[in-house]
Amino acid sequence: MHKSIALIKRKPGMSRAEFRDYYETHHAPLGQRHFNFARYVRNYPKVSEDAPEPPYDVIVEFWFEDEAAFTRAMAFNLSPEARLFREDEARFMDTQFITGFTVEECETPAPSAP
């Protein structure tokens, strides 16, 4: 598997609820149709009233079956056909604060029961 992560902030003037609703009902299905992720997870920080504002509104995890699938997705992402994603992102994301990177996942197994 190949994994990437993106940190995304909502567009100014948009509430957390509006951001999450748009992402889940419109953008996520659009992405899955065009990128065919092996797994696609959105992590929304839980924010309490007495906590500081987090720097991002969602941490997104994208899994691809292999390096070739990731390469195809990135090629599509840079193509003129992907314009619809840039336009959609501009509707609800503060695009100047999108940070993305490929990661190497290291997992520590849970301890065995005695």
Protein backbone atom coordinates (compact mmCIF):
# COMPACT_ATOMS: atom_id res chain seq x y z
CA MET A 1 0.00 0.00 0.00
CA HIS A 2 1.01 3.60 -0.61
CA LYS A 3 -0.27 6.30 1.75
CA SER A 4 -0.54 10.09 1.61
CA ILE A 5 -1.88 12.59 4.11
CA ALA A 6 -3.31 16.09 3.63
CA LEU A 7 -3.96 18.78 6.24
CA ILE A 8 -6.80 21.07 5.19
CA LYS A 9 -8.32 24.27 6.60
CA ARG A 10 -11.82 25.49 5.83
CA LYS A 11 -12.52 28.62 3.82
CA PRO A 12 -12.82 31.80 5.93
CA GLY A 13 -16.41 32.53 6.91
CA MET A 14 -17.46 28.88 6.73
CA SER A 15 -18.47 27.03 9.90
CA ARG A 16 -16.96 23.68 10.85
CA ALA A 17 -20.36 22.06 10.32
CA GLU A 18 -20.74 23.57 6.83
CA PHE A 19 -17.19 22.51 5.92
CA ARG A 20 -17.69 18.94 7.09
CA ASP A 21 -21.10 18.62 5.43
CA TYR A 22 -19.76 19.86 2.08
CA TYR A 23 -16.71 17.63 2.27
CA GLU A 24 -18.69 14.51 3.16
CA THR A 25 -21.66 14.99 0.84
CA HIS A 26 -19.94 16.46 -2.21
CA HIS A 27 -16.14 16.47 -2.31
CA ALA A 28 -15.38 13.03 -0.85
CA PRO A 29 -17.70 11.19 -3.28
CA LEU A 30 -16.23 13.23 -6.17
CA GLY A 31 -12.70 12.26 -5.13
CA GLN A 32 -13.51 8.58 -4.73
CA ARG A 33 -15.09 8.43 -8.20
CA HIS A 34 -12.06 9.93 -9.91
CA PHE A 35 -9.11 8.71 -7.83
CA ASN A 36 -10.29 5.21 -6.88
CA PHE A 37 -8.57 5.23 -3.49
CA ALA A 38 -8.02 1.87 -1.82
CA ARG A 39 -9.01 3.66 1.40
CA TYR A 40 -10.01 7.28 2.04
CA VAL A 41 -10.40 8.56 5.62
CA ARG A 42 -11.23 12.05 6.84
CA ASN A 43 -10.28 12.83 10.48
CA TYR A 44 -12.06 15.86 11.95
CA PRO A 45 -10.52 17.24 15.18
CA LYS A 46 -12.90 17.34 18.12
CA VAL A 47 -12.86 20.89 19.46
CA SER A 48 -14.07 21.91 22.89
CA GLU A 49 -15.13 25.47 23.63
CA ASP A 50 -12.18 26.05 25.99
CA ALA A 51 -9.57 24.67 23.56
CA PRO A 52 -7.58 26.75 21.08
CA GLU A 53 -8.57 26.65 17.41
CA PRO A 54 -6.72 23.80 15.69
CA PRO A 55 -4.58 24.84 12.70
CA TYR A 56 -6.49 22.46 10.40
CA ASP A 57 -10.12 21.33 10.10
CA VAL A 58 -9.48 17.88 8.68
CA ILE A 59 -6.59 15.45 8.37
CA VAL A 60 -7.15 13.28 5.32
CA GLU A 61 -5.58 9.87 4.69
CA PHE A 62 -5.42 8.46 1.16
CA TRP A 63 -4.36 4.87 0.50
CA PHE A 64 -3.47 3.53 -2.94
CA GLU A 65 -2.99 -0.13 -3.84
CA ASP A 66 0.61 0.50 -4.90
CA GLU A 67 3.08 3.10 -6.14
CA ALA A 68 1.73 2.80 -9.70
CA ALA A 69 -1.82 3.64 -8.55
CA PHE A 70 -0.46 6.64 -6.64
CA THR A 71 1.51 7.80 -9.71
CA ARG A 72 -1.62 7.54 -11.90
CA ALA A 73 -3.64 9.54 -9.35
CA MET A 74 -0.99 12.28 -9.17
CA ALA A 75 -0.80 12.45 -12.98
CA PHE A 76 -4.57 12.86 -13.13
CA ASN A 77 -4.40 15.48 -10.33
CA LEU A 78 -2.07 17.59 -12.50
CA SER A 79 -4.12 17.15 -15.69
CA PRO A 80 -6.55 19.70 -17.16
CA GLU A 81 -9.38 17.25 -16.38
CA ALA A 82 -8.70 17.70 -12.66
CA ARG A 83 -9.76 21.35 -12.91
CA LEU A 84 -13.12 20.35 -11.42
CA PHE A 85 -11.31 19.38 -8.19
CA ARG A 86 -9.49 22.73 -7.93
CA GLU A 87 -12.79 24.53 -8.49
CA ASP A 88 -14.57 22.37 -5.92
CA GLU A 89 -11.77 22.80 -3.35
CA ALA A 90 -12.03 26.58 -3.74
CA ARG A 91 -15.71 26.38 -2.70
CA PHE A 92 -14.92 25.19 0.82
CA MET A 93 -11.15 24.96 1.46
CA ASP A 94 -8.66 27.70 2.25
CA THR A 95 -6.40 26.41 -0.51
CA GLN A 96 -3.35 28.40 0.64
CA PHE A 97 -3.28 26.19 3.75
CA ILE A 98 -3.46 22.75 2.12
CA THR A 99 -0.43 20.71 3.12
CA GLY A 100 0.09 17.25 1.68
CA PHE A 101 2.78 14.62 1.85
CA THR A 102 3.49 10.94 1.31
CA VAL A 103 4.13 9.00 4.50
CA GLU A 104 5.69 5.77 5.62
CA GLU A 105 3.42 4.23 8.21
CA CYS A 106 5.04 2.50 11.22
CA GLU A 107 2.69 0.65 13.52
CA THR A 108 3.46 -0.82 16.91
CA PRO A 109 1.40 -3.93 17.54
CA ALA A 110 -0.80 -4.02 20.62
CA PRO A 111 0.72 -6.04 23.46
CA SER A 112 -0.42 -9.64 23.77
CA ALA A 113 -2.77 -10.47 26.60
CA PRO A 114 -1.03 -12.34 29.44
